[in-house]
N, C-alpha and C. Protein backbone atom coordinates (compact mmCIF):
# COMPACT_ATOMS: atom_id res chain seq x y z
N MET A 1 6.71 -18.01 22.13
CA MET A 1 5.34 -18.03 22.60
C MET A 1 5.15 -19.07 23.70
N GLU A 2 5.75 -20.27 23.51
CA GLU A 2 5.59 -21.31 24.51
C GLU A 2 6.26 -20.96 25.83
N GLU A 3 7.43 -20.31 25.77
CA GLU A 3 8.10 -19.93 27.01
C GLU A 3 7.23 -18.97 27.80
N SER A 4 6.61 -18.02 27.11
CA SER A 4 5.70 -17.08 27.76
C SER A 4 4.51 -17.81 28.36
N TYR A 5 4.00 -18.81 27.63
CA TYR A 5 2.86 -19.60 28.12
C TYR A 5 3.22 -20.30 29.43
N TRP A 6 4.39 -20.95 29.45
CA TRP A 6 4.78 -21.72 30.64
C TRP A 6 5.16 -20.82 31.80
N ASN A 7 5.78 -19.68 31.52
CA ASN A 7 6.08 -18.74 32.61
C ASN A 7 4.79 -18.29 33.29
N GLY A 8 3.78 -17.97 32.49
CA GLY A 8 2.50 -17.58 33.06
C GLY A 8 1.84 -18.72 33.81
N PHE A 9 1.95 -19.92 33.26
CA PHE A 9 1.34 -21.09 33.90
C PHE A 9 1.96 -21.35 35.27
N TYR A 10 3.28 -21.34 35.34
CA TYR A 10 3.94 -21.67 36.61
C TYR A 10 3.92 -20.52 37.60
N ALA A 11 3.64 -19.31 37.12
CA ALA A 11 3.44 -18.20 38.04
C ALA A 11 2.12 -18.37 38.80
N ARG A 12 1.18 -19.12 38.18
CA ARG A 12 -0.14 -19.33 38.80
C ARG A 12 -0.24 -20.67 39.50
N GLU A 13 0.39 -21.70 38.94
CA GLU A 13 0.16 -23.07 39.36
C GLU A 13 1.28 -23.60 40.25
N HIS A 14 1.03 -23.68 41.54
CA HIS A 14 2.02 -24.25 42.46
C HIS A 14 1.43 -25.44 43.22
N GLN A 15 0.22 -25.86 42.86
CA GLN A 15 -0.41 -26.97 43.55
C GLN A 15 0.24 -28.29 43.14
N GLY A 16 0.09 -29.28 44.00
CA GLY A 16 0.53 -30.62 43.65
C GLY A 16 2.01 -30.87 43.81
N LEU A 17 2.74 -29.95 44.44
CA LEU A 17 4.18 -30.15 44.60
C LEU A 17 4.51 -31.35 45.48
N ASP A 18 3.60 -31.75 46.33
CA ASP A 18 3.85 -32.88 47.23
C ASP A 18 3.25 -34.17 46.69
N ARG A 19 2.73 -34.14 45.47
CA ARG A 19 2.12 -35.33 44.88
C ARG A 19 2.83 -35.66 43.57
N PRO A 20 3.69 -36.64 43.57
CA PRO A 20 4.40 -36.99 42.33
C PRO A 20 3.44 -37.57 41.31
N SER A 21 3.84 -37.54 40.07
CA SER A 21 3.03 -38.15 39.02
C SER A 21 3.04 -39.67 39.18
N THR A 22 2.07 -40.32 38.56
CA THR A 22 2.02 -41.79 38.60
C THR A 22 3.25 -42.37 37.91
N PHE A 23 3.77 -41.67 36.90
CA PHE A 23 4.96 -42.16 36.21
C PHE A 23 6.19 -42.10 37.11
N ALA A 24 6.29 -41.05 37.92
CA ALA A 24 7.41 -40.94 38.86
C ALA A 24 7.38 -42.07 39.88
N VAL A 25 6.20 -42.36 40.40
CA VAL A 25 6.06 -43.44 41.38
C VAL A 25 6.45 -44.77 40.74
N TRP A 26 5.97 -45.00 39.54
CA TRP A 26 6.29 -46.23 38.79
C TRP A 26 7.79 -46.31 38.53
N SER A 27 8.40 -45.20 38.13
CA SER A 27 9.84 -45.18 37.83
C SER A 27 10.67 -45.41 39.09
N ALA A 28 10.25 -44.79 40.20
CA ALA A 28 11.01 -44.89 41.45
C ALA A 28 11.15 -46.34 41.91
N GLU A 29 10.17 -47.15 41.62
CA GLU A 29 10.22 -48.57 42.01
C GLU A 29 11.32 -49.31 41.25
N ARG A 30 11.86 -48.68 40.21
CA ARG A 30 12.85 -49.32 39.35
C ARG A 30 14.23 -48.66 39.44
N LEU A 31 14.42 -47.79 40.44
CA LEU A 31 15.69 -47.09 40.61
C LEU A 31 16.49 -47.67 41.76
N ALA A 32 17.79 -47.77 41.56
CA ALA A 32 18.69 -48.18 42.64
C ALA A 32 18.88 -47.01 43.61
N PRO A 33 19.22 -47.28 44.86
CA PRO A 33 19.45 -46.18 45.82
C PRO A 33 20.54 -45.23 45.33
N GLY A 34 20.34 -43.95 45.57
CA GLY A 34 21.35 -42.95 45.23
C GLY A 34 21.59 -42.76 43.75
N THR A 35 20.57 -43.00 42.94
CA THR A 35 20.70 -42.83 41.49
C THR A 35 20.94 -41.37 41.12
N SER A 36 21.85 -41.14 40.18
CA SER A 36 22.03 -39.79 39.63
C SER A 36 21.04 -39.64 38.47
N LEU A 37 20.13 -38.70 38.61
CA LEU A 37 18.99 -38.57 37.70
C LEU A 37 18.87 -37.14 37.21
N PHE A 38 18.66 -37.00 35.91
CA PHE A 38 18.43 -35.68 35.31
C PHE A 38 17.03 -35.67 34.73
N GLU A 39 16.23 -34.68 35.16
CA GLU A 39 14.88 -34.54 34.60
C GLU A 39 14.86 -33.48 33.52
N LEU A 40 14.39 -33.84 32.35
CA LEU A 40 14.25 -32.93 31.23
C LEU A 40 12.87 -32.29 31.27
N GLY A 41 12.81 -31.01 31.60
CA GLY A 41 11.52 -30.33 31.66
C GLY A 41 10.79 -30.65 32.94
N CYS A 42 11.23 -30.09 34.06
CA CYS A 42 10.70 -30.49 35.37
C CYS A 42 9.40 -29.79 35.74
N GLY A 43 9.02 -28.73 35.02
CA GLY A 43 7.76 -28.06 35.33
C GLY A 43 7.72 -27.53 36.75
N ASN A 44 6.66 -27.89 37.49
CA ASN A 44 6.54 -27.42 38.88
C ASN A 44 7.42 -28.20 39.85
N GLY A 45 8.17 -29.18 39.33
CA GLY A 45 9.18 -29.87 40.14
C GLY A 45 8.69 -30.99 41.00
N ARG A 46 7.43 -31.37 40.86
CA ARG A 46 6.89 -32.38 41.80
C ARG A 46 7.61 -33.72 41.69
N ASP A 47 7.99 -34.12 40.48
CA ASP A 47 8.69 -35.39 40.34
C ASP A 47 10.14 -35.28 40.81
N ALA A 48 10.79 -34.19 40.45
CA ALA A 48 12.19 -33.98 40.88
C ALA A 48 12.29 -33.95 42.40
N LEU A 49 11.36 -33.26 43.05
CA LEU A 49 11.36 -33.18 44.51
C LEU A 49 11.08 -34.55 45.13
N PHE A 50 10.21 -35.31 44.49
CA PHE A 50 9.91 -36.66 44.96
C PHE A 50 11.15 -37.55 44.90
N PHE A 51 11.86 -37.52 43.78
CA PHE A 51 13.07 -38.33 43.65
C PHE A 51 14.13 -37.88 44.66
N ALA A 52 14.28 -36.58 44.84
CA ALA A 52 15.26 -36.06 45.80
C ALA A 52 14.92 -36.48 47.22
N ALA A 53 13.65 -36.48 47.56
CA ALA A 53 13.21 -36.88 48.89
C ALA A 53 13.52 -38.35 49.15
N GLN A 54 13.65 -39.14 48.09
CA GLN A 54 13.98 -40.55 48.22
C GLN A 54 15.49 -40.79 48.29
N GLY A 55 16.26 -39.71 48.25
CA GLY A 55 17.71 -39.84 48.38
C GLY A 55 18.47 -39.90 47.08
N HIS A 56 17.78 -39.68 45.95
CA HIS A 56 18.48 -39.70 44.67
C HIS A 56 19.18 -38.36 44.42
N LYS A 57 20.19 -38.39 43.56
CA LYS A 57 20.96 -37.18 43.23
C LYS A 57 20.35 -36.55 41.99
N VAL A 58 19.56 -35.52 42.20
CA VAL A 58 18.71 -34.98 41.14
C VAL A 58 19.21 -33.64 40.62
N VAL A 59 19.29 -33.57 39.30
CA VAL A 59 19.44 -32.30 38.59
C VAL A 59 18.24 -32.20 37.66
N ALA A 60 17.60 -31.05 37.63
CA ALA A 60 16.41 -30.89 36.79
C ALA A 60 16.47 -29.55 36.08
N CYS A 61 15.93 -29.52 34.88
CA CYS A 61 15.93 -28.26 34.14
C CYS A 61 14.55 -27.98 33.59
N ASP A 62 14.31 -26.73 33.28
CA ASP A 62 13.06 -26.33 32.62
C ASP A 62 13.33 -25.05 31.84
N THR A 63 12.59 -24.88 30.76
CA THR A 63 12.74 -23.66 29.98
C THR A 63 12.12 -22.46 30.65
N SER A 64 11.22 -22.71 31.62
CA SER A 64 10.54 -21.62 32.31
C SER A 64 11.40 -21.03 33.42
N GLU A 65 11.81 -19.81 33.25
CA GLU A 65 12.60 -19.12 34.28
C GLU A 65 11.80 -18.99 35.57
N THR A 66 10.49 -18.79 35.43
CA THR A 66 9.61 -18.66 36.61
C THR A 66 9.58 -19.94 37.41
N ALA A 67 9.41 -21.08 36.73
CA ALA A 67 9.35 -22.37 37.42
C ALA A 67 10.64 -22.64 38.18
N VAL A 68 11.78 -22.39 37.54
CA VAL A 68 13.07 -22.65 38.18
C VAL A 68 13.28 -21.75 39.39
N ALA A 69 12.88 -20.49 39.28
CA ALA A 69 13.02 -19.56 40.41
C ALA A 69 12.17 -19.99 41.59
N VAL A 70 10.94 -20.42 41.33
CA VAL A 70 10.04 -20.88 42.39
C VAL A 70 10.64 -22.10 43.09
N LEU A 71 11.21 -23.02 42.32
CA LEU A 71 11.77 -24.24 42.88
C LEU A 71 13.03 -23.97 43.70
N ASN A 72 13.89 -23.11 43.20
CA ASN A 72 15.10 -22.78 43.95
C ASN A 72 14.78 -22.07 45.25
N ASP A 73 13.72 -21.31 45.26
CA ASP A 73 13.28 -20.68 46.50
C ASP A 73 12.71 -21.72 47.46
N ARG A 74 11.98 -22.67 46.92
CA ARG A 74 11.33 -23.69 47.75
C ARG A 74 12.34 -24.59 48.46
N ILE A 75 13.40 -25.00 47.77
CA ILE A 75 14.32 -25.98 48.37
C ILE A 75 15.12 -25.41 49.53
N ARG A 76 15.13 -24.09 49.67
CA ARG A 76 15.85 -23.48 50.80
C ARG A 76 15.25 -23.89 52.15
N SER A 77 13.97 -24.24 52.14
CA SER A 77 13.30 -24.61 53.39
C SER A 77 13.12 -26.12 53.53
N CYS A 78 13.74 -26.90 52.64
CA CYS A 78 13.60 -28.36 52.68
C CYS A 78 14.93 -29.02 53.04
N LYS A 79 14.84 -30.23 53.57
CA LYS A 79 16.03 -30.99 53.92
C LYS A 79 16.11 -32.24 53.04
N PHE A 80 17.24 -32.41 52.39
CA PHE A 80 17.46 -33.55 51.52
C PHE A 80 18.84 -34.15 51.81
N THR A 81 18.97 -35.45 51.60
CA THR A 81 20.29 -36.08 51.65
C THR A 81 21.19 -35.47 50.59
N HIS A 82 20.63 -35.30 49.39
CA HIS A 82 21.31 -34.63 48.29
C HIS A 82 20.38 -33.52 47.82
N VAL A 83 20.80 -32.28 47.97
CA VAL A 83 19.95 -31.15 47.58
C VAL A 83 19.79 -31.14 46.06
N PRO A 84 18.56 -31.14 45.57
CA PRO A 84 18.37 -31.11 44.11
C PRO A 84 18.83 -29.79 43.52
N VAL A 85 19.26 -29.86 42.27
CA VAL A 85 19.73 -28.68 41.54
C VAL A 85 18.73 -28.38 40.43
N PHE A 86 18.22 -27.15 40.40
CA PHE A 86 17.27 -26.75 39.38
C PHE A 86 17.92 -25.70 38.47
N LEU A 87 17.92 -25.98 37.17
CA LEU A 87 18.58 -25.13 36.19
C LEU A 87 17.60 -24.69 35.11
N ARG A 88 17.80 -23.50 34.60
CA ARG A 88 17.03 -23.09 33.44
C ARG A 88 17.77 -23.59 32.21
N GLY A 89 17.09 -24.35 31.38
CA GLY A 89 17.75 -24.91 30.22
C GLY A 89 16.77 -25.19 29.10
N ASP A 90 17.25 -25.09 27.89
CA ASP A 90 16.44 -25.34 26.70
C ASP A 90 16.59 -26.79 26.28
N MET A 91 15.48 -27.45 25.95
CA MET A 91 15.52 -28.86 25.57
C MET A 91 16.38 -29.10 24.34
N GLY A 92 16.52 -28.10 23.49
CA GLY A 92 17.31 -28.28 22.29
C GLY A 92 18.78 -27.96 22.47
N ALA A 93 19.17 -27.52 23.66
CA ALA A 93 20.57 -27.14 23.91
C ALA A 93 21.00 -27.60 25.29
N LEU A 94 20.71 -28.85 25.62
CA LEU A 94 21.01 -29.35 26.96
C LEU A 94 22.50 -29.46 27.23
N ALA A 95 23.30 -29.56 26.17
CA ALA A 95 24.76 -29.62 26.35
C ALA A 95 25.28 -28.34 27.00
N GLU A 96 24.56 -27.25 26.83
CA GLU A 96 24.95 -25.99 27.45
C GLU A 96 24.51 -25.90 28.91
N THR A 97 23.67 -26.85 29.33
CA THR A 97 23.11 -26.84 30.68
C THR A 97 23.81 -27.81 31.62
N PHE A 98 24.15 -29.00 31.10
CA PHE A 98 24.73 -30.05 31.95
C PHE A 98 25.61 -30.95 31.12
N SER A 99 26.78 -31.32 31.67
CA SER A 99 27.72 -32.15 30.91
C SER A 99 28.25 -33.34 31.72
N GLY A 100 27.62 -33.63 32.87
CA GLY A 100 28.08 -34.75 33.68
C GLY A 100 27.54 -36.09 33.22
N GLU A 101 28.00 -37.16 33.89
CA GLU A 101 27.50 -38.50 33.59
C GLU A 101 26.27 -38.79 34.45
N LEU A 102 25.39 -39.63 33.92
CA LEU A 102 24.13 -39.92 34.58
C LEU A 102 23.82 -41.41 34.61
N ASP A 103 23.04 -41.79 35.63
CA ASP A 103 22.47 -43.13 35.66
C ASP A 103 21.13 -43.15 34.93
N VAL A 104 20.38 -42.06 35.04
CA VAL A 104 19.02 -42.00 34.51
C VAL A 104 18.73 -40.63 33.91
N ALA A 105 18.13 -40.62 32.74
CA ALA A 105 17.51 -39.42 32.18
C ALA A 105 16.00 -39.65 32.23
N TYR A 106 15.29 -38.66 32.74
CA TYR A 106 13.85 -38.82 33.01
C TYR A 106 13.08 -37.72 32.28
N SER A 107 12.10 -38.13 31.50
CA SER A 107 11.30 -37.17 30.73
C SER A 107 9.84 -37.56 30.81
N ARG A 108 9.06 -36.74 31.49
CA ARG A 108 7.62 -36.98 31.55
C ARG A 108 6.87 -35.79 30.94
N PHE A 109 6.09 -36.08 29.91
CA PHE A 109 5.25 -35.08 29.25
C PHE A 109 6.05 -33.87 28.77
N THR A 110 7.29 -34.12 28.32
CA THR A 110 8.10 -33.03 27.78
C THR A 110 8.37 -33.20 26.29
N LEU A 111 8.60 -34.42 25.82
CA LEU A 111 8.91 -34.58 24.40
C LEU A 111 7.76 -34.15 23.52
N HIS A 112 6.53 -34.28 24.00
CA HIS A 112 5.41 -33.85 23.16
C HIS A 112 5.14 -32.35 23.27
N ALA A 113 5.95 -31.65 24.09
CA ALA A 113 5.80 -30.20 24.24
C ALA A 113 6.79 -29.43 23.37
N VAL A 114 7.63 -30.15 22.63
CA VAL A 114 8.62 -29.51 21.76
C VAL A 114 8.54 -30.14 20.37
N ASP A 115 9.09 -29.44 19.38
CA ASP A 115 9.04 -29.96 18.02
C ASP A 115 9.95 -31.17 17.88
N ALA A 116 9.79 -31.87 16.78
CA ALA A 116 10.50 -33.14 16.58
C ALA A 116 12.01 -32.97 16.58
N ARG A 117 12.49 -31.89 15.98
CA ARG A 117 13.93 -31.67 15.92
C ARG A 117 14.51 -31.45 17.33
N THR A 118 13.82 -30.66 18.13
CA THR A 118 14.27 -30.41 19.50
C THR A 118 14.23 -31.70 20.32
N ALA A 119 13.16 -32.48 20.15
CA ALA A 119 13.05 -33.75 20.87
C ALA A 119 14.20 -34.68 20.51
N SER A 120 14.56 -34.73 19.25
CA SER A 120 15.66 -35.59 18.81
C SER A 120 16.99 -35.16 19.42
N ARG A 121 17.20 -33.85 19.52
CA ARG A 121 18.41 -33.35 20.17
C ARG A 121 18.45 -33.77 21.64
N ALA A 122 17.30 -33.70 22.31
CA ALA A 122 17.24 -34.08 23.72
C ALA A 122 17.51 -35.57 23.91
N LEU A 123 16.99 -36.39 23.01
CA LEU A 123 17.24 -37.83 23.10
C LEU A 123 18.70 -38.15 22.85
N ARG A 124 19.30 -37.48 21.88
CA ARG A 124 20.72 -37.71 21.58
C ARG A 124 21.58 -37.28 22.77
N TRP A 125 21.26 -36.13 23.35
CA TRP A 125 21.99 -35.66 24.53
C TRP A 125 21.87 -36.68 25.67
N SER A 126 20.68 -37.23 25.86
CA SER A 126 20.48 -38.22 26.92
C SER A 126 21.37 -39.43 26.71
N ARG A 127 21.43 -39.89 25.48
CA ARG A 127 22.29 -41.05 25.17
C ARG A 127 23.76 -40.74 25.44
N GLU A 128 24.19 -39.53 25.12
CA GLU A 128 25.58 -39.15 25.32
C GLU A 128 25.94 -39.00 26.79
N ARG A 129 24.99 -38.63 27.62
CA ARG A 129 25.26 -38.37 29.03
C ARG A 129 25.12 -39.63 29.89
N LEU A 130 24.37 -40.61 29.41
CA LEU A 130 24.15 -41.83 30.20
C LEU A 130 25.35 -42.75 30.11
N ARG A 131 25.78 -43.23 31.26
CA ARG A 131 26.88 -44.20 31.29
C ARG A 131 26.37 -45.57 30.84
N ALA A 132 27.25 -46.50 30.59
CA ALA A 132 26.86 -47.86 30.19
C ALA A 132 25.93 -48.45 31.24
N GLY A 133 24.82 -48.99 30.80
CA GLY A 133 23.82 -49.51 31.72
C GLY A 133 22.83 -48.46 32.19
N GLY A 134 23.06 -47.19 31.83
CA GLY A 134 22.14 -46.12 32.20
C GLY A 134 20.83 -46.24 31.44
N ARG A 135 19.79 -45.62 31.99
CA ARG A 135 18.46 -45.80 31.40
C ARG A 135 17.75 -44.46 31.18
N LEU A 136 16.93 -44.46 30.15
CA LEU A 136 16.04 -43.36 29.85
C LEU A 136 14.62 -43.79 30.23
N PHE A 137 13.98 -43.01 31.10
CA PHE A 137 12.58 -43.22 31.45
C PHE A 137 11.77 -42.12 30.76
N LEU A 138 10.82 -42.50 29.93
CA LEU A 138 10.13 -41.52 29.09
C LEU A 138 8.63 -41.81 29.06
N GLU A 139 7.84 -40.75 29.21
CA GLU A 139 6.39 -40.86 29.04
C GLU A 139 5.91 -39.65 28.25
N ALA A 140 5.12 -39.89 27.19
CA ALA A 140 4.64 -38.80 26.35
C ALA A 140 3.32 -39.20 25.68
N ARG A 141 2.60 -38.20 25.21
CA ARG A 141 1.31 -38.44 24.56
C ARG A 141 1.48 -39.15 23.22
N SER A 142 0.56 -40.07 22.96
CA SER A 142 0.56 -40.85 21.72
C SER A 142 -0.43 -40.26 20.71
N VAL A 143 -0.18 -40.54 19.45
CA VAL A 143 -1.11 -40.14 18.38
C VAL A 143 -2.46 -40.82 18.54
N LYS A 144 -2.54 -41.85 19.37
CA LYS A 144 -3.80 -42.56 19.57
C LYS A 144 -4.70 -41.91 20.61
N GLY A 145 -4.26 -40.81 21.22
CA GLY A 145 -5.03 -40.13 22.25
C GLY A 145 -6.17 -39.30 21.67
N SER A 146 -7.15 -38.98 22.51
CA SER A 146 -8.35 -38.27 22.06
C SER A 146 -8.07 -36.82 21.68
N LEU A 147 -7.00 -36.22 22.18
CA LEU A 147 -6.70 -34.83 21.84
C LEU A 147 -6.01 -34.70 20.48
N TYR A 148 -5.58 -35.82 19.93
CA TYR A 148 -4.91 -35.77 18.63
C TYR A 148 -5.85 -35.18 17.58
N GLY A 149 -5.35 -34.21 16.84
CA GLY A 149 -6.14 -33.60 15.78
C GLY A 149 -6.93 -32.38 16.20
N GLN A 150 -6.96 -32.08 17.48
CA GLN A 150 -7.70 -30.90 17.95
C GLN A 150 -6.84 -29.65 17.78
N GLY A 151 -7.44 -28.60 17.25
CA GLY A 151 -6.73 -27.35 17.04
C GLY A 151 -6.15 -27.24 15.64
N ALA A 152 -5.27 -26.28 15.46
CA ALA A 152 -4.66 -26.03 14.15
C ALA A 152 -3.36 -26.82 14.02
N GLU A 153 -3.26 -27.61 12.96
CA GLU A 153 -2.04 -28.39 12.74
C GLU A 153 -0.93 -27.47 12.26
N VAL A 154 0.20 -27.51 12.95
CA VAL A 154 1.32 -26.62 12.62
C VAL A 154 2.51 -27.38 12.04
N GLU A 155 2.51 -28.67 12.22
CA GLU A 155 3.48 -29.57 11.61
C GLU A 155 2.93 -30.98 11.78
N ARG A 156 3.62 -31.96 11.23
CA ARG A 156 3.11 -33.33 11.33
C ARG A 156 2.90 -33.74 12.78
N ASP A 157 1.69 -34.16 13.12
CA ASP A 157 1.32 -34.66 14.45
C ASP A 157 1.40 -33.60 15.54
N ALA A 158 1.44 -32.32 15.17
CA ALA A 158 1.55 -31.24 16.15
C ALA A 158 0.47 -30.20 15.91
N PHE A 159 -0.15 -29.73 17.01
CA PHE A 159 -1.30 -28.86 16.91
C PHE A 159 -1.23 -27.76 17.98
N ILE A 160 -1.79 -26.60 17.66
CA ILE A 160 -2.00 -25.54 18.63
C ILE A 160 -3.46 -25.58 19.03
N HIS A 161 -3.70 -25.85 20.32
CA HIS A 161 -5.07 -25.96 20.83
C HIS A 161 -5.18 -25.13 22.10
N ASP A 162 -6.12 -24.19 22.13
CA ASP A 162 -6.29 -23.30 23.28
C ASP A 162 -4.99 -22.56 23.61
N GLY A 163 -4.26 -22.17 22.57
CA GLY A 163 -3.04 -21.42 22.77
C GLY A 163 -1.85 -22.23 23.22
N HIS A 164 -1.96 -23.55 23.15
CA HIS A 164 -0.92 -24.44 23.68
C HIS A 164 -0.49 -25.45 22.62
N TYR A 165 0.83 -25.62 22.47
CA TYR A 165 1.41 -26.54 21.48
C TYR A 165 1.47 -27.96 22.03
N ARG A 166 1.01 -28.92 21.25
CA ARG A 166 1.18 -30.34 21.59
C ARG A 166 1.58 -31.11 20.34
N ARG A 167 2.58 -31.96 20.49
CA ARG A 167 2.99 -32.86 19.41
C ARG A 167 2.83 -34.28 19.92
N PHE A 168 2.22 -35.13 19.12
CA PHE A 168 1.90 -36.48 19.55
C PHE A 168 2.89 -37.47 18.92
N LEU A 169 3.33 -38.45 19.72
CA LEU A 169 4.38 -39.37 19.29
C LEU A 169 3.81 -40.67 18.74
N ARG A 170 4.59 -41.30 17.88
CA ARG A 170 4.26 -42.60 17.31
C ARG A 170 5.24 -43.63 17.88
N ALA A 171 4.71 -44.67 18.49
CA ALA A 171 5.54 -45.65 19.21
C ALA A 171 6.56 -46.31 18.29
N ASP A 172 6.15 -46.65 17.07
CA ASP A 172 7.09 -47.33 16.17
C ASP A 172 8.25 -46.42 15.78
N GLU A 173 7.95 -45.14 15.52
CA GLU A 173 9.01 -44.21 15.13
C GLU A 173 9.92 -43.89 16.31
N LEU A 174 9.35 -43.78 17.50
CA LEU A 174 10.16 -43.55 18.69
C LEU A 174 11.11 -44.72 18.93
N THR A 175 10.62 -45.93 18.76
CA THR A 175 11.44 -47.12 18.94
C THR A 175 12.62 -47.12 17.97
N VAL A 176 12.35 -46.83 16.71
CA VAL A 176 13.41 -46.80 15.69
C VAL A 176 14.45 -45.74 16.04
N GLU A 177 13.99 -44.57 16.49
CA GLU A 177 14.94 -43.50 16.82
C GLU A 177 15.81 -43.88 18.01
N LEU A 178 15.20 -44.43 19.05
CA LEU A 178 15.97 -44.80 20.24
C LEU A 178 16.98 -45.90 19.92
N GLU A 179 16.55 -46.90 19.17
CA GLU A 179 17.47 -47.98 18.81
C GLU A 179 18.59 -47.46 17.92
N GLY A 180 18.29 -46.51 17.06
CA GLY A 180 19.30 -45.91 16.21
C GLY A 180 20.36 -45.15 17.00
N LEU A 181 19.97 -44.66 18.18
CA LEU A 181 20.91 -43.95 19.05
C LEU A 181 21.74 -44.91 19.91
N GLY A 182 21.39 -46.19 19.87
CA GLY A 182 22.14 -47.17 20.65
C GLY A 182 21.44 -47.64 21.91
N PHE A 183 20.17 -47.28 22.05
CA PHE A 183 19.41 -47.77 23.19
C PHE A 183 18.83 -49.16 22.91
N VAL A 184 18.63 -49.91 23.99
CA VAL A 184 17.88 -51.17 23.93
C VAL A 184 16.57 -50.93 24.67
N ILE A 185 15.45 -51.20 24.02
CA ILE A 185 14.15 -51.00 24.65
C ILE A 185 13.90 -52.12 25.66
N ARG A 186 13.79 -51.76 26.93
CA ARG A 186 13.54 -52.74 27.98
C ARG A 186 12.06 -52.86 28.31
N ASP A 187 11.31 -51.80 28.07
CA ASP A 187 9.87 -51.82 28.35
C ASP A 187 9.21 -50.75 27.51
N LEU A 188 8.09 -51.06 26.89
CA LEU A 188 7.31 -50.07 26.16
C LEU A 188 5.84 -50.43 26.28
N VAL A 189 5.06 -49.47 26.76
CA VAL A 189 3.62 -49.64 26.89
C VAL A 189 2.96 -48.43 26.23
N GLU A 190 1.90 -48.68 25.48
CA GLU A 190 1.11 -47.61 24.89
C GLU A 190 -0.34 -47.84 25.29
N ALA A 191 -0.85 -47.00 26.20
CA ALA A 191 -2.18 -47.27 26.77
C ALA A 191 -2.75 -46.04 27.44
N SER A 192 -4.05 -46.05 27.67
CA SER A 192 -4.70 -45.06 28.52
C SER A 192 -4.69 -45.59 29.95
N GLY A 193 -5.18 -44.78 30.88
CA GLY A 193 -5.25 -45.21 32.26
C GLY A 193 -3.96 -45.07 33.04
N LEU A 194 -2.92 -44.54 32.41
CA LEU A 194 -1.61 -44.42 33.07
C LEU A 194 -1.33 -43.01 33.58
N ALA A 195 -1.97 -42.02 32.98
CA ALA A 195 -1.67 -40.62 33.31
C ALA A 195 -2.95 -39.79 33.39
N VAL A 196 -3.91 -40.30 34.14
CA VAL A 196 -5.21 -39.63 34.27
C VAL A 196 -5.05 -38.34 35.07
N HIS A 197 -5.60 -37.25 34.53
CA HIS A 197 -5.56 -35.97 35.23
C HIS A 197 -6.91 -35.28 35.04
N GLY A 198 -7.69 -35.19 36.11
CA GLY A 198 -9.01 -34.61 35.99
C GLY A 198 -9.85 -35.41 35.01
N GLY A 199 -10.36 -34.74 33.99
CA GLY A 199 -11.16 -35.42 32.99
C GLY A 199 -10.36 -35.89 31.80
N ASP A 200 -9.05 -35.78 31.86
CA ASP A 200 -8.19 -36.16 30.74
C ASP A 200 -7.53 -37.51 31.02
N ASP A 201 -7.78 -38.47 30.16
CA ASP A 201 -7.16 -39.79 30.27
C ASP A 201 -6.45 -40.09 28.95
N PRO A 202 -5.28 -39.51 28.75
CA PRO A 202 -4.62 -39.63 27.45
C PRO A 202 -4.04 -41.03 27.22
N VAL A 203 -3.94 -41.40 25.97
CA VAL A 203 -3.12 -42.56 25.62
C VAL A 203 -1.68 -42.08 25.62
N VAL A 204 -0.84 -42.73 26.40
CA VAL A 204 0.56 -42.33 26.49
C VAL A 204 1.46 -43.49 26.09
N ILE A 205 2.66 -43.12 25.69
CA ILE A 205 3.73 -44.08 25.44
C ILE A 205 4.68 -44.01 26.63
N ARG A 206 4.89 -45.13 27.28
CA ARG A 206 5.77 -45.20 28.45
C ARG A 206 6.92 -46.14 28.11
N VAL A 207 8.16 -45.64 28.22
CA VAL A 207 9.32 -46.39 27.76
C VAL A 207 10.42 -46.42 28.81
N ILE A 208 11.09 -47.57 28.92
CA ILE A 208 12.41 -47.64 29.55
C ILE A 208 13.37 -48.12 28.48
N ALA A 209 14.39 -47.30 28.19
CA ALA A 209 15.40 -47.65 27.21
C ALA A 209 16.76 -47.62 27.88
N GLU A 210 17.57 -48.61 27.61
CA GLU A 210 18.85 -48.77 28.32
C GLU A 210 20.04 -48.69 27.36
N VAL A 211 21.10 -48.06 27.85
CA VAL A 211 22.36 -48.05 27.11
C VAL A 211 23.06 -49.38 27.36
N ALA A 212 23.29 -50.12 26.34
CA ALA A 212 23.90 -51.44 26.51
C ALA A 212 25.29 -51.32 27.12
N ALA A 213 25.59 -52.19 28.09
CA ALA A 213 26.92 -52.22 28.71
C ALA A 213 27.94 -52.68 27.68
N VAL A 214 29.11 -52.06 27.72
CA VAL A 214 30.17 -52.41 26.75
C VAL A 214 30.80 -53.73 27.13
């Protein structure tokens, strides 16, 4: 159902491709030149295209076949130092999509779009793909946001609202999971005012987690 939802969404929504998210801008200030970056769930590609335009080596995936097709068509008319690669991939089976080493795994508003088991698989895959000193940049909706509890609860902290699935994260549990995978939390903020979109000002969890150097 969600794949159908996103295919329909991206068939209609192509605006904002030249405007990166506030999280992408914030993250870019913390990236070394020529970073190899994988985006989990790139959506309309605005952040992936932004990173590529800055000279980073970008691979991005999305479950929406429509979104990936639109992006692959778009990059044919663009010039990049490193042409971004857009792949169709499932968050729960990223090992089937990409197996290279990375400096950065980037996830914005994707972990709360999948169930907890799928999110855990994506986090584990990120840890396995990141080289020593590599970092995970993550932003997702918190249980403290105003949309929490709206709609029909389908599992713990997850709801169907207006035909759309959302799962809200808990900062303490996310921290425990990341540290259990071998990450060191370098930065964690839980606040509103970071991801304002129209009339929606969600409380989000913003994290930088690093793989400790051996």
